[in-house]
C-alpha atoms as a PDB file:
ATOM      1  CA  MET A   1     112.181 124.784  97.173  1.00  0.00           C
ATOM      2  CA  ALA A   2     111.024 126.399  93.990  1.00  0.00           C
ATOM      3  CA  GLY A   3     112.935 125.126  90.989  1.00  0.00           C
ATOM      4  CA  ARG A   4     115.602 123.305  93.013  1.00  0.00           C
ATOM      5  CA  ALA A   5     115.897 119.623  93.741  1.00  0.00           C
ATOM      6  CA  VAL A   6     116.546 118.716  97.355  1.00  0.00           C
ATOM      7  CA  LEU A   7     118.341 115.470  98.183  1.00  0.00           C
ATOM      8  CA  LEU A   8     116.721 113.891 101.213  1.00  0.00           C
ATOM      9  CA  ILE A   9     119.556 111.354 101.374  1.00  0.00           C
ATOM     10  CA  PRO A  10     122.932 113.039 100.782  1.00  0.00           C
ATOM     11  CA  HIS A  11     125.792 111.228  99.107  1.00  0.00           C
ATOM     12  CA  HIS A  12     128.116 109.562 101.607  1.00  0.00           C
ATOM     13  CA  SER A  13     131.578 111.054 102.016  1.00  0.00           C
ATOM     14  CA  ASP A  14     134.131 111.516 104.768  1.00  0.00           C
ATOM     15  CA  ALA A  15     132.705 114.981 105.392  1.00  0.00           C
ATOM     16  CA  THR A  16     129.096 113.765 105.612  1.00  0.00           C
ATOM     17  CA  ASP A  17     127.929 112.726 109.055  1.00  0.00           C
ATOM     18  CA  GLU A  18     125.235 110.124 109.658  1.00  0.00           C
ATOM     19  CA  ALA A  19     123.258 112.852 111.435  1.00  0.00           C
ATOM     20  CA  ALA A  20     122.509 114.293 107.987  1.00  0.00           C
ATOM     21  CA  LEU A  21     120.186 111.331 107.352  1.00  0.00           C
ATOM     22  CA  PRO A  22     116.519 111.424 108.360  1.00  0.00           C
ATOM     23  CA  GLY A  23     115.687 109.332 111.454  1.00  0.00           C
ATOM     24  CA  ASP A  24     114.130 106.360 109.666  1.00  0.00           C
ATOM     25  CA  TYR A  25     117.208 106.008 107.440  1.00  0.00           C
ATOM     26  CA  ARG A  26     119.477 106.158 110.507  1.00  0.00           C
ATOM     27  CA  ARG A  27     117.453 103.309 112.072  1.00  0.00           C
ATOM     28  CA  ILE A  28     117.819 101.219 108.899  1.00  0.00           C
ATOM     29  CA  LEU A  29     121.552 101.894 108.811  1.00  0.00           C
ATOM     30  CA  ALA A  30     121.889 100.874 112.484  1.00  0.00           C
ATOM     31  CA  ILE A  31     120.008  97.608 111.898  1.00  0.00           C
ATOM     32  CA  VAL A  32     122.219  96.701 108.944  1.00  0.00           C
ATOM     33  CA  ARG A  33     125.377  97.547 110.900  1.00  0.00           C
ATOM     34  CA  GLU A  34     124.297  95.416 113.881  1.00  0.00           C
ATOM     35  CA  ALA A  35     123.808  92.351 111.688  1.00  0.00           C
ATOM     36  CA  ASP A  36     126.499  89.676 111.592  1.00  0.00           C
ATOM     37  CA  GLY A  37     126.431  89.610 107.799  1.00  0.00           C
ATOM     38  CA  PRO A  38     124.358  90.650 104.810  1.00  0.00           C
ATOM     39  CA  VAL A  39     120.682  91.221 105.666  1.00  0.00           C
ATOM     40  CA  GLN A  40     117.515  90.727 103.693  1.00  0.00           C
ATOM     41  CA  VAL A  41     114.886  93.435 103.518  1.00  0.00           C
ATOM     42  CA  ARG A  42     112.530  91.067 105.358  1.00  0.00           C
ATOM     43  CA  ALA A  43     114.846  90.947 108.405  1.00  0.00           C
ATOM     44  CA  VAL A  44     115.080  94.743 108.527  1.00  0.00           C
ATOM     45  CA  GLY A  45     111.300  94.998 108.179  1.00  0.00           C
ATOM     46  CA  GLU A  46     110.801  92.615 111.083  1.00  0.00           C
ATOM     47  CA  ARG A  47     113.143  94.670 113.272  1.00  0.00           C
ATOM     48  CA  LEU A  48     111.183  97.791 112.329  1.00  0.00           C
ATOM     49  CA  GLY A  49     107.931  96.108 113.309  1.00  0.00           C
ATOM     50  CA  LEU A  50     106.504  95.743 109.793  1.00  0.00           C
ATOM     51  CA  ASN A  51     104.309  92.806 108.834  1.00  0.00           C
ATOM     52  CA  ALA A  52     106.972  90.975 106.842  1.00  0.00           C
ATOM     53  CA  SER A  53     104.588  88.218 105.740  1.00  0.00           C
ATOM     54  CA  VAL A  54     102.921  90.668 103.322  1.00  0.00           C
ATOM     55  CA  ARG A  55     105.203  91.353 100.355  1.00  0.00           C
ATOM     56  CA  GLY A  56     103.521  94.692  99.652  1.00  0.00           C
ATOM     57  CA  LYS A  57     104.664  95.962 103.048  1.00  0.00           C
ATOM     58  CA  LEU A  58     108.302  95.242 102.206  1.00  0.00           C
ATOM     59  CA  GLU A  59     108.509  96.871  98.765  1.00  0.00           C
ATOM     60  CA  PRO A  60     108.456 100.453 100.120  1.00  0.00           C
ATOM     61  CA  LEU A  61     111.187  99.427 102.588  1.00  0.00           C
ATOM     62  CA  ARG A  62     113.238  97.898  99.749  1.00  0.00           C
ATOM     63  CA  ALA A  63     113.002 101.223  97.886  1.00  0.00           C
ATOM     64  CA  LYS A  64     113.919 103.067 101.069  1.00  0.00           C
ATOM     65  CA  MET A  65     117.024 100.872 101.521  1.00  0.00           C
ATOM     66  CA  THR A  66     118.055 101.236  97.875  1.00  0.00           C
ATOM     67  CA  LYS A  67     118.338 105.036  98.145  1.00  0.00           C
ATOM     68  CA  PRO A  68     121.156 104.998 100.728  1.00  0.00           C
ATOM     69  CA  ALA A  69     122.797 102.167  98.785  1.00  0.00           C
ATOM     70  CA  ASP A  70     122.757 104.301  95.633  1.00  0.00           C
ATOM     71  CA  ARG A  71     124.389 107.137  97.565  1.00  0.00           C
ATOM     72  CA  GLY A  72     127.107 105.075  99.255  1.00  0.00           C
ATOM     73  CA  TRP A  73     125.712 104.585 102.775  1.00  0.00           C
ATOM     74  CA  LEU A  74     124.905 100.900 102.246  1.00  0.00           C
ATOM     75  CA  HIS A  75     126.051  98.250  99.780  1.00  0.00           C
ATOM     76  CA  LYS A  76     123.410  96.306  97.850  1.00  0.00           C
ATOM     77  CA  ARG A  77     124.709  92.891  96.874  1.00  0.00           C
ATOM     78  CA  PRO A  78     123.711  91.158  93.620  1.00  0.00           C
ATOM     79  CA  ASP A  79     121.565  88.725  95.648  1.00  0.00           C
ATOM     80  CA  GLY A  80     119.471  91.656  96.952  1.00  0.00           C
ATOM     81  CA  ARG A  81     120.838  91.654 100.487  1.00  0.00           C
ATOM     82  CA  PHE A  82     122.426  94.704 102.084  1.00  0.00           C
ATOM     83  CA  THR A  83     125.618  95.293 104.030  1.00  0.00           C
ATOM     84  CA  ALA A  84     127.020  98.395 105.727  1.00  0.00           C
ATOM     85  CA  ARG A  85     129.848 100.341 104.173  1.00  0.00           C
ATOM     86  CA  ARG A  86     132.745 100.396 106.612  1.00  0.00           C
END
């Protein structure tokens, strides 16, 4: 896309369907929605099969979860945990 920025994660709106998200972001969203309450990045990483005992493995996931939170798909709480937007 010469000269144009492409948003991999679109902003959430009533007109935007979850299908617009790439597959790995849809999986993250599903894990957060299935949780009984706010989830830590570590819990999501474990469900995705990541080695959650190594902090360096979780930082890319934290960044990946922050993008949909910044665009309205998830809510990032002040304590760093995530919840689904209803």
